[in-house]
Amino acid sequence: MDKKKLDGFKKRLETRQQELRRMVSRTQQDGRAADEDVAQDIADKAASSYNKEFLFHQSNADRQLLQTLERYGVKAVDTTDGKLDPNLHQAIAEVPGNGKPPGSIVDVVQAGFTIGDRLLRPAMVTVAKKDMPAQPAGVDTKA
């Protein structure tokens, strides 16, 4: 992303924030109802369009960073096959599998990266735990 565009966006956001603060203070000085919730609602509504723009630019920056890393041989660890590889993945929790086989990847919490054949950071994943069968009725488990 172009630094000039990012600086321009930041400047517009700061200007808008100053305008909102002036509006709120004028409202308070004029004796109108300037309750904190109303002021916060005004700020939230005005900032929501800027937040969308910011998120758009943030996702573009993330995409460009990943493309640059790939040009230098840094690749994300593949988790699409769903199989846990302890050489590439770090299991951080066991969760209900919801139909997935025990030990398979359910969710990726943090992406991992390799450079060539070397692991830079393992992918942190949650794995499916073995479903425990329901206890049949009338079985004494306290004995």
C-alpha atoms as a PDB file:
ATOM      1  CA  MET A   1       0.000   0.000   0.000  1.00  0.00           C
ATOM      2  CA  ASP A   2       1.199   3.463  -0.824  1.00  0.00           C
ATOM      3  CA  LYS A   3       2.472   5.353   2.224  1.00  0.00           C
ATOM      4  CA  LYS A   4       0.977   8.625   0.923  1.00  0.00           C
ATOM      5  CA  LYS A   5      -2.494   7.055   0.753  1.00  0.00           C
ATOM      6  CA  LEU A   6      -2.163   5.669   4.272  1.00  0.00           C
ATOM      7  CA  ASP A   7      -0.961   9.039   5.607  1.00  0.00           C
ATOM      8  CA  GLY A   8      -3.851  10.794   3.846  1.00  0.00           C
ATOM      9  CA  PHE A   9      -6.333   8.357   5.328  1.00  0.00           C
ATOM     10  CA  LYS A  10      -4.849   8.858   8.787  1.00  0.00           C
ATOM     11  CA  LYS A  11      -5.067  12.643   8.413  1.00  0.00           C
ATOM     12  CA  ARG A  12      -8.726  12.460   7.287  1.00  0.00           C
ATOM     13  CA  LEU A  13      -9.539  10.200  10.239  1.00  0.00           C
ATOM     14  CA  GLU A  14      -7.877  12.581  12.712  1.00  0.00           C
ATOM     15  CA  THR A  15      -9.677  15.583  11.180  1.00  0.00           C
ATOM     16  CA  ARG A  16     -13.026  13.799  11.427  1.00  0.00           C
ATOM     17  CA  GLN A  17     -12.308  12.897  15.057  1.00  0.00           C
ATOM     18  CA  GLN A  18     -11.544  16.544  15.899  1.00  0.00           C
ATOM     19  CA  GLU A  19     -14.773  17.656  14.193  1.00  0.00           C
ATOM     20  CA  LEU A  20     -16.769  15.157  16.231  1.00  0.00           C
ATOM     21  CA  ARG A  21     -15.171  16.350  19.463  1.00  0.00           C
ATOM     22  CA  ARG A  22     -16.024  19.959  18.591  1.00  0.00           C
ATOM     23  CA  MET A  23     -19.632  18.960  17.830  1.00  0.00           C
ATOM     24  CA  VAL A  24     -19.966  17.176  21.152  1.00  0.00           C
ATOM     25  CA  SER A  25     -18.442  20.047  23.129  1.00  0.00           C
ATOM     26  CA  ARG A  26     -20.701  22.575  21.327  1.00  0.00           C
ATOM     27  CA  THR A  27     -23.698  20.422  22.178  1.00  0.00           C
ATOM     28  CA  GLN A  28     -22.683  20.408  25.821  1.00  0.00           C
ATOM     29  CA  GLN A  29     -22.027  24.166  25.882  1.00  0.00           C
ATOM     30  CA  ASP A  30     -25.357  25.004  24.264  1.00  0.00           C
ATOM     31  CA  GLY A  31     -27.178  23.242  27.070  1.00  0.00           C
ATOM     32  CA  ARG A  32     -28.647  20.589  24.815  1.00  0.00           C
ATOM     33  CA  ALA A  33     -28.892  17.002  25.989  1.00  0.00           C
ATOM     34  CA  ALA A  34     -25.363  15.682  25.543  1.00  0.00           C
ATOM     35  CA  ASP A  35     -25.481  12.454  27.335  1.00  0.00           C
ATOM     36  CA  GLU A  36     -22.433  10.221  26.968  1.00  0.00           C
ATOM     37  CA  ASP A  37     -24.388   7.519  25.159  1.00  0.00           C
ATOM     38  CA  VAL A  38     -25.643   9.999  22.554  1.00  0.00           C
ATOM     39  CA  ALA A  39     -22.141  11.384  22.040  1.00  0.00           C
ATOM     40  CA  GLN A  40     -20.767   7.873  21.698  1.00  0.00           C
ATOM     41  CA  ASP A  41     -23.487   6.954  19.172  1.00  0.00           C
ATOM     42  CA  ILE A  42     -22.631  10.021  17.089  1.00  0.00           C
ATOM     43  CA  ALA A  43     -18.942   9.130  17.139  1.00  0.00           C
ATOM     44  CA  ASP A  44     -19.633   5.475  16.321  1.00  0.00           C
ATOM     45  CA  LYS A  45     -21.859   6.288  13.340  1.00  0.00           C
ATOM     46  CA  ALA A  46     -19.380   8.750  11.877  1.00  0.00           C
ATOM     47  CA  ALA A  47     -16.414   6.466  12.422  1.00  0.00           C
ATOM     48  CA  SER A  48     -18.067   3.315  11.038  1.00  0.00           C
ATOM     49  CA  SER A  49     -17.500   4.340   7.415  1.00  0.00           C
ATOM     50  CA  TYR A  50     -13.893   5.142   8.217  1.00  0.00           C
ATOM     51  CA  ASN A  51     -13.529   1.787   9.986  1.00  0.00           C
ATOM     52  CA  LYS A  52     -14.716  -0.007   6.851  1.00  0.00           C
ATOM     53  CA  GLU A  53     -12.176   1.910   4.780  1.00  0.00           C
ATOM     54  CA  PHE A  54      -9.451   1.165   7.313  1.00  0.00           C
ATOM     55  CA  LEU A  55     -10.257  -2.571   7.309  1.00  0.00           C
ATOM     56  CA  PHE A  56     -10.187  -2.586   3.510  1.00  0.00           C
ATOM     57  CA  HIS A  57      -6.725  -1.012   3.490  1.00  0.00           C
ATOM     58  CA  GLN A  58      -5.569  -3.328   6.293  1.00  0.00           C
ATOM     59  CA  SER A  59      -6.584  -6.429   4.330  1.00  0.00           C
ATOM     60  CA  ASN A  60      -4.769  -5.064   1.263  1.00  0.00           C
ATOM     61  CA  ALA A  61      -1.630  -4.505   3.344  1.00  0.00           C
ATOM     62  CA  ASP A  62      -1.841  -8.071   4.719  1.00  0.00           C
ATOM     63  CA  ARG A  63      -2.240  -9.482   1.213  1.00  0.00           C
ATOM     64  CA  GLN A  64       0.736  -7.482  -0.094  1.00  0.00           C
ATOM     65  CA  LEU A  65       2.898  -8.564   2.859  1.00  0.00           C
ATOM     66  CA  LEU A  66       2.123 -12.244   2.202  1.00  0.00           C
ATOM     67  CA  GLN A  67       2.889 -11.800  -1.512  1.00  0.00           C
ATOM     68  CA  THR A  68       6.228 -10.183  -0.678  1.00  0.00           C
ATOM     69  CA  LEU A  69       7.115 -12.966   1.767  1.00  0.00           C
ATOM     70  CA  GLU A  70       6.247 -15.587  -0.853  1.00  0.00           C
ATOM     71  CA  ARG A  71       8.637 -13.915  -3.312  1.00  0.00           C
ATOM     72  CA  TYR A  72      11.426 -14.585  -0.790  1.00  0.00           C
ATOM     73  CA  GLY A  73      10.437 -18.211  -0.229  1.00  0.00           C
ATOM     74  CA  VAL A  74       8.334 -17.826   2.919  1.00  0.00           C
ATOM     75  CA  LYS A  75       5.169 -19.911   2.650  1.00  0.00           C
ATOM     76  CA  ALA A  76       2.242 -20.513   4.984  1.00  0.00           C
ATOM     77  CA  VAL A  77       1.994 -23.988   6.542  1.00  0.00           C
ATOM     78  CA  ASP A  78      -0.646 -26.039   4.718  1.00  0.00           C
ATOM     79  CA  THR A  79      -3.569 -27.116   6.912  1.00  0.00           C
ATOM     80  CA  THR A  80      -6.095 -27.894   4.178  1.00  0.00           C
ATOM     81  CA  ASP A  81      -5.713 -31.696   4.366  1.00  0.00           C
ATOM     82  CA  GLY A  82      -6.903 -31.643   7.977  1.00  0.00           C
ATOM     83  CA  LYS A  83      -4.233 -34.041   9.245  1.00  0.00           C
ATOM     84  CA  LEU A  84      -2.104 -33.040  12.228  1.00  0.00           C
ATOM     85  CA  ASP A  85       1.605 -33.136  11.429  1.00  0.00           C
ATOM     86  CA  PRO A  86       3.609 -32.543  14.631  1.00  0.00           C
ATOM     87  CA  ASN A  87       6.528 -31.313  12.509  1.00  0.00           C
ATOM     88  CA  LEU A  88       4.403 -28.432  11.153  1.00  0.00           C
ATOM     89  CA  HIS A  89       1.516 -27.999  13.609  1.00  0.00           C
ATOM     90  CA  GLN A  90       1.270 -27.316  17.328  1.00  0.00           C
ATOM     91  CA  ALA A  91      -1.929 -28.636  18.917  1.00  0.00           C
ATOM     92  CA  ILE A  92      -3.060 -26.173  21.572  1.00  0.00           C
ATOM     93  CA  ALA A  93      -6.422 -27.705  22.503  1.00  0.00           C
ATOM     94  CA  GLU A  94      -8.684 -30.678  21.949  1.00  0.00           C
ATOM     95  CA  VAL A  95     -12.240 -29.761  21.014  1.00  0.00           C
ATOM     96  CA  PRO A  96     -15.334 -31.778  20.062  1.00  0.00           C
ATOM     97  CA  GLY A  97     -14.806 -33.053  16.532  1.00  0.00           C
ATOM     98  CA  ASN A  98     -18.383 -32.715  15.248  1.00  0.00           C
ATOM     99  CA  GLY A  99     -17.950 -35.692  12.952  1.00  0.00           C
ATOM    100  CA  LYS A 100     -14.235 -35.242  12.224  1.00  0.00           C
ATOM    101  CA  PRO A 101     -11.893 -38.124  12.989  1.00  0.00           C
ATOM    102  CA  PRO A 102      -9.964 -37.904  16.280  1.00  0.00           C
ATOM    103  CA  GLY A 103      -6.648 -36.066  15.939  1.00  0.00           C
ATOM    104  CA  SER A 104      -7.631 -34.128  12.822  1.00  0.00           C
ATOM    105  CA  ILE A 105      -7.392 -30.328  12.607  1.00  0.00           C
ATOM    106  CA  VAL A 106     -10.631 -28.526  13.509  1.00  0.00           C
ATOM    107  CA  ASP A 107      -9.485 -24.890  13.449  1.00  0.00           C
ATOM    108  CA  VAL A 108      -6.307 -22.878  12.806  1.00  0.00           C
ATOM    109  CA  VAL A 109      -5.716 -20.377  15.622  1.00  0.00           C
ATOM    110  CA  GLN A 110      -2.462 -18.912  14.278  1.00  0.00           C
ATOM    111  CA  ALA A 111      -0.897 -19.503  10.872  1.00  0.00           C
ATOM    112  CA  GLY A 112       2.524 -21.096  10.640  1.00  0.00           C
ATOM    113  CA  PHE A 113       5.286 -20.390   8.126  1.00  0.00           C
ATOM    114  CA  THR A 114       8.180 -22.198   6.461  1.00  0.00           C
ATOM    115  CA  ILE A 115      11.109 -20.931   4.439  1.00  0.00           C
ATOM    116  CA  GLY A 116      12.257 -23.628   2.101  1.00  0.00           C
ATOM    117  CA  ASP A 117      12.248 -26.847   4.158  1.00  0.00           C
ATOM    118  CA  ARG A 118      12.823 -25.032   7.462  1.00  0.00           C
ATOM    119  CA  LEU A 119       9.975 -24.301   9.877  1.00  0.00           C
ATOM    120  CA  LEU A 120       9.864 -20.663  10.997  1.00  0.00           C
ATOM    121  CA  ARG A 121       6.745 -20.937  13.169  1.00  0.00           C
ATOM    122  CA  PRO A 122       4.408 -23.904  13.637  1.00  0.00           C
ATOM    123  CA  ALA A 123       0.720 -23.450  12.902  1.00  0.00           C
ATOM    124  CA  MET A 124      -1.240 -23.404  16.165  1.00  0.00           C
ATOM    125  CA  VAL A 125      -4.311 -25.584  15.723  1.00  0.00           C
ATOM    126  CA  THR A 126      -7.140 -27.164  17.665  1.00  0.00           C
ATOM    127  CA  VAL A 127      -7.702 -30.866  17.083  1.00  0.00           C
ATOM    128  CA  ALA A 128     -10.729 -33.127  17.326  1.00  0.00           C
ATOM    129  CA  LYS A 129     -10.902 -35.289  20.407  1.00  0.00           C
ATOM    130  CA  LYS A 130     -12.259 -38.809  20.453  1.00  0.00           C
ATOM    131  CA  ASP A 131     -16.005 -38.845  21.002  1.00  0.00           C
ATOM    132  CA  MET A 132     -16.843 -40.729  24.162  1.00  0.00           C
ATOM    133  CA  PRO A 133     -19.784 -43.114  23.719  1.00  0.00           C
ATOM    134  CA  ALA A 134     -22.799 -42.422  25.900  1.00  0.00           C
ATOM    135  CA  GLN A 135     -23.112 -44.597  29.009  1.00  0.00           C
ATOM    136  CA  PRO A 136     -25.851 -47.212  28.660  1.00  0.00           C
ATOM    137  CA  ALA A 137     -28.755 -46.767  31.070  1.00  0.00           C
ATOM    138  CA  GLY A 138     -28.546 -48.808  34.253  1.00  0.00           C
ATOM    139  CA  VAL A 139     -24.729 -49.193  34.284  1.00  0.00           C
ATOM    140  CA  ASP A 140     -23.178 -48.528  37.686  1.00  0.00           C
ATOM    141  CA  THR A 141     -20.136 -46.322  37.180  1.00  0.00           C
ATOM    142  CA  LYS A 142     -19.493 -45.736  40.895  1.00  0.00           C
ATOM    143  CA  ALA A 143     -18.315 -49.280  41.700  1.00  0.00           C
END
